[in-house]
């Protein structure tokens, strides 16, 4: 008896999945959006097209947009899955990302202003 002679029990092989795993179209759209959302901040930083504060704000905004693109197009998370737990996961993730980014920016700003008081930015100290 060969493997093809055995009937396939789809309930056993479905692993409890009740949602789709995405289509080729969703993957292509996700890839294209991800590429664009990566290229724009790269271009902004490399060309210096905007003021530093505006560039930082736009890069952070595009990073948040990219997180949403990845969760929708690649992880297939939507508003109807898991009976509302998805919203709780998004809120928790948002809080953690905000704390991480805000804390990093705060630390870098204060390190930049407090490490060498009295020295103009960019000068190297001549003392050992």
C-alpha atoms as a PDB file:
ATOM      1  CA  UNK A   1       0.000   0.000   0.000  1.00  0.00           C
ATOM      2  CA  UNK A   2       1.542   3.318  -1.068  1.00  0.00           C
ATOM      3  CA  UNK A   3       1.252   6.718   0.604  1.00  0.00           C
ATOM      4  CA  UNK A   4      -1.180   7.891  -2.068  1.00  0.00           C
ATOM      5  CA  UNK A   5      -3.618   5.097  -1.135  1.00  0.00           C
ATOM      6  CA  UNK A   6      -4.216   6.512   2.364  1.00  0.00           C
ATOM      7  CA  UNK A   7      -7.132   8.911   2.702  1.00  0.00           C
ATOM      8  CA  UNK A   8      -6.154  12.387   3.907  1.00  0.00           C
ATOM      9  CA  UNK A   9      -7.956  13.626   6.995  1.00  0.00           C
ATOM     10  CA  UNK A  10      -8.128  17.387   6.458  1.00  0.00           C
ATOM     11  CA  UNK A  11      -9.235  18.022  10.066  1.00  0.00           C
ATOM     12  CA  UNK A  12      -5.997  16.502  11.353  1.00  0.00           C
ATOM     13  CA  UNK A  13      -3.810  18.439   8.911  1.00  0.00           C
ATOM     14  CA  UNK A  14      -5.501  21.820   9.299  1.00  0.00           C
ATOM     15  CA  UNK A  15      -3.859  22.542  12.699  1.00  0.00           C
ATOM     16  CA  UNK A  16      -6.961  24.432  13.792  1.00  0.00           C
ATOM     17  CA  UNK A  17      -6.437  27.182  11.217  1.00  0.00           C
ATOM     18  CA  UNK A  18      -9.633  28.964  10.344  1.00  0.00           C
ATOM     19  CA  UNK A  19      -8.095  31.900   8.494  1.00  0.00           C
ATOM     20  CA  UNK A  20      -6.292  32.286   5.204  1.00  0.00           C
ATOM     21  CA  UNK A  21      -2.554  32.351   4.909  1.00  0.00           C
ATOM     22  CA  UNK A  22      -2.514  35.173   2.396  1.00  0.00           C
ATOM     23  CA  UNK A  23      -2.376  35.351  -1.329  1.00  0.00           C
ATOM     24  CA  UNK A  24       0.423  36.065  -3.741  1.00  0.00           C
ATOM     25  CA  UNK A  25      -1.121  39.502  -4.266  1.00  0.00           C
ATOM     26  CA  UNK A  26      -0.926  40.365  -0.548  1.00  0.00           C
ATOM     27  CA  UNK A  27       2.714  39.276  -0.412  1.00  0.00           C
ATOM     28  CA  UNK A  28       3.635  41.322  -3.502  1.00  0.00           C
ATOM     29  CA  UNK A  29       1.788  44.396  -2.192  1.00  0.00           C
ATOM     30  CA  UNK A  30       3.494  43.958   1.183  1.00  0.00           C
ATOM     31  CA  UNK A  31       6.905  43.625  -0.432  1.00  0.00           C
ATOM     32  CA  UNK A  32       6.428  46.697  -2.628  1.00  0.00           C
ATOM     33  CA  UNK A  33       5.144  48.802   0.279  1.00  0.00           C
ATOM     34  CA  UNK A  34       8.034  47.625   2.454  1.00  0.00           C
ATOM     35  CA  UNK A  35      10.553  48.529  -0.238  1.00  0.00           C
ATOM     36  CA  UNK A  36       9.060  52.006  -0.676  1.00  0.00           C
ATOM     37  CA  UNK A  37       8.804  52.545   3.093  1.00  0.00           C
ATOM     38  CA  UNK A  38      12.499  51.658   3.359  1.00  0.00           C
ATOM     39  CA  UNK A  39      13.699  53.665   0.342  1.00  0.00           C
ATOM     40  CA  UNK A  40      12.032  56.947   1.349  1.00  0.00           C
ATOM     41  CA  UNK A  41      13.747  57.277   4.768  1.00  0.00           C
ATOM     42  CA  UNK A  42      17.049  56.175   3.240  1.00  0.00           C
ATOM     43  CA  UNK A  43      16.744  58.879   0.588  1.00  0.00           C
ATOM     44  CA  UNK A  44      15.734  61.506   3.166  1.00  0.00           C
ATOM     45  CA  UNK A  45      18.726  60.779   5.379  1.00  0.00           C
ATOM     46  CA  UNK A  46      21.282  60.470   2.586  1.00  0.00           C
ATOM     47  CA  UNK A  47      20.244  63.648   0.739  1.00  0.00           C
ATOM     48  CA  UNK A  48      19.388  65.818   3.747  1.00  0.00           C
ATOM     49  CA  UNK A  49      16.301  67.077   1.907  1.00  0.00           C
ATOM     50  CA  UNK A  50      14.553  68.156   5.119  1.00  0.00           C
ATOM     51  CA  UNK A  51      15.580  69.688   8.418  1.00  0.00           C
ATOM     52  CA  UNK A  52      16.930  67.106  10.931  1.00  0.00           C
ATOM     53  CA  UNK A  53      13.865  67.298  13.191  1.00  0.00           C
ATOM     54  CA  UNK A  54      11.448  66.861  10.291  1.00  0.00           C
ATOM     55  CA  UNK A  55      13.533  64.005   8.909  1.00  0.00           C
ATOM     56  CA  UNK A  56      13.509  62.210  12.265  1.00  0.00           C
ATOM     57  CA  UNK A  57       9.737  62.639  12.636  1.00  0.00           C
ATOM     58  CA  UNK A  58       9.106  61.374   9.106  1.00  0.00           C
ATOM     59  CA  UNK A  59      11.423  58.387   9.545  1.00  0.00           C
ATOM     60  CA  UNK A  60       9.629  57.427  12.774  1.00  0.00           C
ATOM     61  CA  UNK A  61       6.235  57.814  11.082  1.00  0.00           C
ATOM     62  CA  UNK A  62       7.305  55.654   8.149  1.00  0.00           C
ATOM     63  CA  UNK A  63       8.711  53.047  10.551  1.00  0.00           C
ATOM     64  CA  UNK A  64       5.301  52.819  12.237  1.00  0.00           C
ATOM     65  CA  UNK A  65       3.650  52.491   8.817  1.00  0.00           C
ATOM     66  CA  UNK A  66       6.071  49.693   7.970  1.00  0.00           C
ATOM     67  CA  UNK A  67       5.186  47.844  11.190  1.00  0.00           C
ATOM     68  CA  UNK A  68       1.520  47.988  10.170  1.00  0.00           C
ATOM     69  CA  UNK A  69       2.310  46.795   6.622  1.00  0.00           C
ATOM     70  CA  UNK A  70       4.282  43.831   7.956  1.00  0.00           C
ATOM     71  CA  UNK A  71       1.607  42.765  10.426  1.00  0.00           C
ATOM     72  CA  UNK A  72      -1.199  42.992   7.878  1.00  0.00           C
ATOM     73  CA  UNK A  73       0.515  41.690   4.722  1.00  0.00           C
ATOM     74  CA  UNK A  74       2.931  39.119   6.142  1.00  0.00           C
ATOM     75  CA  UNK A  75       1.577  38.123   9.557  1.00  0.00           C
ATOM     76  CA  UNK A  76      -2.065  38.345   8.401  1.00  0.00           C
ATOM     77  CA  UNK A  77      -3.224  40.028  11.593  1.00  0.00           C
ATOM     78  CA  UNK A  78      -6.573  41.714  11.164  1.00  0.00           C
ATOM     79  CA  UNK A  79      -9.293  43.207  13.342  1.00  0.00           C
ATOM     80  CA  UNK A  80     -11.459  40.082  13.463  1.00  0.00           C
ATOM     81  CA  UNK A  81      -8.936  37.487  14.577  1.00  0.00           C
ATOM     82  CA  UNK A  82      -8.657  36.066  18.108  1.00  0.00           C
ATOM     83  CA  UNK A  83     -11.807  37.767  19.420  1.00  0.00           C
ATOM     84  CA  UNK A  84     -10.329  41.187  20.200  1.00  0.00           C
ATOM     85  CA  UNK A  85      -6.940  40.067  21.497  1.00  0.00           C
ATOM     86  CA  UNK A  86      -5.339  41.532  18.402  1.00  0.00           C
ATOM     87  CA  UNK A  87      -6.217  45.049  19.570  1.00  0.00           C
ATOM     88  CA  UNK A  88      -4.658  44.358  22.969  1.00  0.00           C
ATOM     89  CA  UNK A  89      -1.514  43.053  21.254  1.00  0.00           C
ATOM     90  CA  UNK A  90      -1.326  46.179  19.060  1.00  0.00           C
ATOM     91  CA  UNK A  91      -1.746  48.499  22.038  1.00  0.00           C
ATOM     92  CA  UNK A  92       0.904  46.630  24.028  1.00  0.00           C
ATOM     93  CA  UNK A  93       3.295  46.646  21.059  1.00  0.00           C
ATOM     94  CA  UNK A  94       2.653  50.349  20.514  1.00  0.00           C
ATOM     95  CA  UNK A  95       3.430  51.172  24.136  1.00  0.00           C
ATOM     96  CA  UNK A  96       6.652  49.148  24.079  1.00  0.00           C
ATOM     97  CA  UNK A  97       7.772  50.673  20.756  1.00  0.00           C
ATOM     98  CA  UNK A  98       6.963  54.181  22.016  1.00  0.00           C
ATOM     99  CA  UNK A  99       8.905  53.646  25.246  1.00  0.00           C
ATOM    100  CA  UNK A 100      11.873  52.238  23.325  1.00  0.00           C
ATOM    101  CA  UNK A 101      12.008  55.003  20.720  1.00  0.00           C
ATOM    102  CA  UNK A 102      11.282  57.878  23.116  1.00  0.00           C
ATOM    103  CA  UNK A 103      13.803  56.570  25.638  1.00  0.00           C
ATOM    104  CA  UNK A 104      16.477  56.118  22.976  1.00  0.00           C
ATOM    105  CA  UNK A 105      15.954  59.617  21.577  1.00  0.00           C
ATOM    106  CA  UNK A 106      15.961  61.103  25.090  1.00  0.00           C
ATOM    107  CA  UNK A 107      19.166  59.292  26.044  1.00  0.00           C
ATOM    108  CA  UNK A 108      20.945  60.247  22.803  1.00  0.00           C
ATOM    109  CA  UNK A 109      19.916  63.894  23.150  1.00  0.00           C
ATOM    110  CA  UNK A 110      21.137  64.134  26.729  1.00  0.00           C
ATOM    111  CA  UNK A 111      24.355  62.263  25.986  1.00  0.00           C
ATOM    112  CA  UNK A 112      25.030  64.672  23.136  1.00  0.00           C
ATOM    113  CA  UNK A 113      24.465  67.768  25.299  1.00  0.00           C
ATOM    114  CA  UNK A 114      26.033  66.552  28.566  1.00  0.00           C
ATOM    115  CA  UNK A 115      29.057  64.434  27.665  1.00  0.00           C
ATOM    116  CA  UNK A 116      31.437  67.301  26.877  1.00  0.00           C
ATOM    117  CA  UNK A 117      30.026  70.530  28.289  1.00  0.00           C
ATOM    118  CA  UNK A 118      31.720  73.620  26.952  1.00  0.00           C
ATOM    119  CA  UNK A 119      32.988  71.929  23.773  1.00  0.00           C
ATOM    120  CA  UNK A 120      31.382  72.668  20.441  1.00  0.00           C
ATOM    121  CA  UNK A 121      29.821  69.617  18.828  1.00  0.00           C
ATOM    122  CA  UNK A 122      32.215  67.693  16.593  1.00  0.00           C
ATOM    123  CA  UNK A 123      35.497  68.755  18.197  1.00  0.00           C
ATOM    124  CA  UNK A 124      37.851  66.120  19.554  1.00  0.00           C
ATOM    125  CA  UNK A 125      39.556  66.791  22.854  1.00  0.00           C
ATOM    126  CA  UNK A 126      43.347  67.203  22.691  1.00  0.00           C
ATOM    127  CA  UNK A 127      43.890  65.998  26.265  1.00  0.00           C
ATOM    128  CA  UNK A 128      44.341  62.304  27.009  1.00  0.00           C
END
